[in-house]
Amino acid sequence: MYFDGDLKKISWVIHTETKKFSQNREHIEKYRDKITKIQSKYIALHIALFWGIGTFKIKNEDYVKIKLDEEIMYNQLNSKMKTNDEFIKNKIKFIQSFIKQRKLRIHFEKIDTKNNLSNKFLK
């Protein structure tokens, strides 16, 4: 799974063994131009997981490889780094509880931004 976000939009790409699904959305008014790029990326990850489950692209107990192009997110999601940002703390809590609830087997992988398949949908 690839995901990205900026001040106006979020996007994600989910690869299965046979297909690639890509989506993008504009931020709701509450967030548009009012959050940081990292906060936007957490929203994108949250929505991508939720969308993936809701459309049955990701199923309970699936193995999901989440590709991260931000070192800080990689460290935060691997519990190596804490944050003082309450917005991000809440997103991490939701993501972790969603993963646990659905019994997803997650592997976080650090990638270069140029290899993030979802960032082209923000342009």
C-alpha atoms as a PDB file:
ATOM      1  CA  MET A   1       0.000   0.000   0.000  1.00  0.00           C
ATOM      2  CA  TYR A   2       1.256   3.431  -0.984  1.00  0.00           C
ATOM      3  CA  PHE A   3      -0.243   6.683   0.256  1.00  0.00           C
ATOM      4  CA  ASP A   4       0.474  10.399   0.197  1.00  0.00           C
ATOM      5  CA  GLY A   5      -1.041  13.695   1.217  1.00  0.00           C
ATOM      6  CA  ASP A   6      -0.548  17.413   0.956  1.00  0.00           C
ATOM      7  CA  LEU A   7      -2.441  20.448   2.221  1.00  0.00           C
ATOM      8  CA  LYS A   8      -5.332  19.922  -0.202  1.00  0.00           C
ATOM      9  CA  LYS A   9      -5.566  16.218  -1.137  1.00  0.00           C
ATOM     10  CA  ILE A  10      -4.790  12.637  -0.161  1.00  0.00           C
ATOM     11  CA  SER A  11      -4.153   9.628  -2.378  1.00  0.00           C
ATOM     12  CA  TRP A  12      -3.426   5.938  -2.075  1.00  0.00           C
ATOM     13  CA  VAL A  13      -2.623   2.899  -4.174  1.00  0.00           C
ATOM     14  CA  ILE A  14      -3.363  -0.650  -3.058  1.00  0.00           C
ATOM     15  CA  HIS A  15      -1.680  -3.519  -4.895  1.00  0.00           C
ATOM     16  CA  THR A  16      -3.146  -6.995  -4.663  1.00  0.00           C
ATOM     17  CA  GLU A  17      -1.604 -10.031  -6.303  1.00  0.00           C
ATOM     18  CA  THR A  18      -3.561  -9.339  -9.481  1.00  0.00           C
ATOM     19  CA  LYS A  19      -4.706  -5.695  -9.506  1.00  0.00           C
ATOM     20  CA  LYS A  20      -3.782  -2.148  -8.595  1.00  0.00           C
ATOM     21  CA  PHE A  21      -6.401   0.208  -7.130  1.00  0.00           C
ATOM     22  CA  SER A  22      -5.757   3.939  -6.896  1.00  0.00           C
ATOM     23  CA  GLN A  23      -7.878   6.597  -5.247  1.00  0.00           C
ATOM     24  CA  ASN A  24      -7.590  10.251  -4.318  1.00  0.00           C
ATOM     25  CA  ARG A  25      -9.751  12.669  -2.398  1.00  0.00           C
ATOM     26  CA  GLU A  26      -9.758  16.348  -1.573  1.00  0.00           C
ATOM     27  CA  HIS A  27      -9.464  17.127   2.109  1.00  0.00           C
ATOM     28  CA  ILE A  28     -12.676  18.083   3.827  1.00  0.00           C
ATOM     29  CA  GLU A  29     -12.973  21.778   4.680  1.00  0.00           C
ATOM     30  CA  LYS A  30     -12.007  21.086   8.298  1.00  0.00           C
ATOM     31  CA  TYR A  31      -8.510  19.977   7.168  1.00  0.00           C
ATOM     32  CA  ARG A  32      -7.896  21.748   3.849  1.00  0.00           C
ATOM     33  CA  ASP A  33      -4.916  24.097   4.206  1.00  0.00           C
ATOM     34  CA  LYS A  34      -5.052  23.714   8.011  1.00  0.00           C
ATOM     35  CA  ILE A  35      -2.868  20.669   8.634  1.00  0.00           C
ATOM     36  CA  THR A  36       0.766  19.770   8.038  1.00  0.00           C
ATOM     37  CA  LYS A  37       1.985  17.510   5.257  1.00  0.00           C
ATOM     38  CA  ILE A  38       2.770  14.748   7.793  1.00  0.00           C
ATOM     39  CA  GLN A  39      -0.708  15.058   9.328  1.00  0.00           C
ATOM     40  CA  SER A  40      -2.145  14.792   5.809  1.00  0.00           C
ATOM     41  CA  LYS A  41      -0.149  11.619   5.189  1.00  0.00           C
ATOM     42  CA  TYR A  42      -1.537  10.099   8.394  1.00  0.00           C
ATOM     43  CA  ILE A  43      -5.055  10.932   7.184  1.00  0.00           C
ATOM     44  CA  ALA A  44      -4.217   9.249   3.866  1.00  0.00           C
ATOM     45  CA  LEU A  45      -2.996   6.089   5.625  1.00  0.00           C
ATOM     46  CA  HIS A  46      -6.069   6.032   7.885  1.00  0.00           C
ATOM     47  CA  ILE A  47      -8.474   6.444   4.942  1.00  0.00           C
ATOM     48  CA  ALA A  48      -6.557   3.992   2.727  1.00  0.00           C
ATOM     49  CA  LEU A  49      -6.823   1.242   5.357  1.00  0.00           C
ATOM     50  CA  PHE A  50     -10.487   2.009   5.979  1.00  0.00           C
ATOM     51  CA  TRP A  51     -11.258   2.130   2.229  1.00  0.00           C
ATOM     52  CA  GLY A  52      -9.265  -1.047   1.586  1.00  0.00           C
ATOM     53  CA  ILE A  53     -11.239  -2.985   4.206  1.00  0.00           C
ATOM     54  CA  GLY A  54     -14.579  -1.457   3.196  1.00  0.00           C
ATOM     55  CA  THR A  55     -14.131  -2.415  -0.451  1.00  0.00           C
ATOM     56  CA  PHE A  56     -12.713  -5.858   0.401  1.00  0.00           C
ATOM     57  CA  LYS A  57      -9.325  -5.118  -1.194  1.00  0.00           C
ATOM     58  CA  ILE A  58      -7.862  -5.837   2.253  1.00  0.00           C
ATOM     59  CA  LYS A  59      -9.399  -8.654   4.244  1.00  0.00           C
ATOM     60  CA  ASN A  60      -9.168  -9.665   7.892  1.00  0.00           C
ATOM     61  CA  GLU A  61      -5.832 -11.326   8.687  1.00  0.00           C
ATOM     62  CA  ASP A  62      -4.237 -10.175   5.402  1.00  0.00           C
ATOM     63  CA  TYR A  63      -0.541  -9.428   5.123  1.00  0.00           C
ATOM     64  CA  VAL A  64      -0.200  -5.746   4.228  1.00  0.00           C
ATOM     65  CA  LYS A  65       3.034  -4.045   3.248  1.00  0.00           C
ATOM     66  CA  ILE A  66       2.751  -0.321   3.984  1.00  0.00           C
ATOM     67  CA  LYS A  67       5.301   1.752   2.074  1.00  0.00           C
ATOM     68  CA  LEU A  68       6.406   4.906   3.887  1.00  0.00           C
ATOM     69  CA  ASP A  69       8.362   7.710   2.233  1.00  0.00           C
ATOM     70  CA  GLU A  70       8.736   9.708   5.464  1.00  0.00           C
ATOM     71  CA  GLU A  71      11.401   8.589   7.945  1.00  0.00           C
ATOM     72  CA  ILE A  72       9.517  10.201  10.833  1.00  0.00           C
ATOM     73  CA  MET A  73       6.360   8.196  10.069  1.00  0.00           C
ATOM     74  CA  TYR A  74       8.377   5.009   9.706  1.00  0.00           C
ATOM     75  CA  ASN A  75       9.888   5.590  13.152  1.00  0.00           C
ATOM     76  CA  GLN A  76       6.605   6.640  14.770  1.00  0.00           C
ATOM     77  CA  LEU A  77       4.671   3.664  13.409  1.00  0.00           C
ATOM     78  CA  ASN A  78       7.405   1.256  14.466  1.00  0.00           C
ATOM     79  CA  SER A  79       7.139   2.716  18.004  1.00  0.00           C
ATOM     80  CA  LYS A  80      10.695   4.013  17.907  1.00  0.00           C
ATOM     81  CA  MET A  81       9.707   7.664  18.189  1.00  0.00           C
ATOM     82  CA  LYS A  82       7.036   9.506  20.115  1.00  0.00           C
ATOM     83  CA  THR A  83       5.294  12.693  19.033  1.00  0.00           C
ATOM     84  CA  ASN A  84       3.768  15.618  20.901  1.00  0.00           C
ATOM     85  CA  ASP A  85       1.297  16.233  18.067  1.00  0.00           C
ATOM     86  CA  GLU A  86      -2.135  15.193  19.420  1.00  0.00           C
ATOM     87  CA  PHE A  87      -3.581  14.900  15.912  1.00  0.00           C
ATOM     88  CA  ILE A  88      -0.885  12.398  14.906  1.00  0.00           C
ATOM     89  CA  LYS A  89      -1.162  10.533  18.234  1.00  0.00           C
ATOM     90  CA  ASN A  90      -4.885  10.025  17.588  1.00  0.00           C
ATOM     91  CA  LYS A  91      -4.291   8.839  14.015  1.00  0.00           C
ATOM     92  CA  ILE A  92      -1.615   6.374  15.181  1.00  0.00           C
ATOM     93  CA  LYS A  93      -3.975   5.043  17.874  1.00  0.00           C
ATOM     94  CA  PHE A  94      -6.757   4.560  15.328  1.00  0.00           C
ATOM     95  CA  ILE A  95      -4.437   2.897  12.807  1.00  0.00           C
ATOM     96  CA  GLN A  96      -3.018   0.550  15.455  1.00  0.00           C
ATOM     97  CA  SER A  97      -6.446  -0.387  16.802  1.00  0.00           C
ATOM     98  CA  PHE A  98      -7.773  -0.946  13.266  1.00  0.00           C
ATOM     99  CA  ILE A  99      -4.810  -3.223  12.488  1.00  0.00           C
ATOM    100  CA  LYS A 100      -5.370  -5.150  15.718  1.00  0.00           C
ATOM    101  CA  GLN A 101      -9.148  -5.395  15.257  1.00  0.00           C
ATOM    102  CA  ARG A 102      -8.782  -6.752  11.712  1.00  0.00           C
ATOM    103  CA  LYS A 103      -5.808  -8.950  12.711  1.00  0.00           C
ATOM    104  CA  LEU A 104      -3.756  -7.532   9.862  1.00  0.00           C
ATOM    105  CA  ARG A 105      -0.155  -8.620   9.566  1.00  0.00           C
ATOM    106  CA  ILE A 106       1.648  -5.379   8.799  1.00  0.00           C
ATOM    107  CA  HIS A 107       5.130  -4.754   7.481  1.00  0.00           C
ATOM    108  CA  PHE A 108       6.274  -1.128   7.304  1.00  0.00           C
ATOM    109  CA  GLU A 109       8.812  -0.486   4.562  1.00  0.00           C
ATOM    110  CA  LYS A 110      10.762   2.755   4.096  1.00  0.00           C
ATOM    111  CA  ILE A 111      10.892   3.891   0.449  1.00  0.00           C
ATOM    112  CA  ASP A 112      12.182   6.899  -1.487  1.00  0.00           C
ATOM    113  CA  THR A 113       9.568   9.497  -2.396  1.00  0.00           C
ATOM    114  CA  LYS A 114      10.295   8.907  -6.096  1.00  0.00           C
ATOM    115  CA  ASN A 115       9.066   5.311  -5.639  1.00  0.00           C
ATOM    116  CA  ASN A 116       5.768   6.328  -4.018  1.00  0.00           C
ATOM    117  CA  LEU A 117       3.135   5.362  -6.587  1.00  0.00           C
ATOM    118  CA  SER A 118       0.447   7.514  -4.965  1.00  0.00           C
ATOM    119  CA  ASN A 119       2.139  10.923  -5.097  1.00  0.00           C
ATOM    120  CA  LYS A 120       1.364  11.422  -8.805  1.00  0.00           C
ATOM    121  CA  PHE A 121      -2.339  11.680  -7.902  1.00  0.00           C
ATOM    122  CA  LEU A 122      -1.746  14.834  -5.845  1.00  0.00           C
ATOM    123  CA  LYS A 123      -0.690  16.917  -8.819  1.00  0.00           C
END
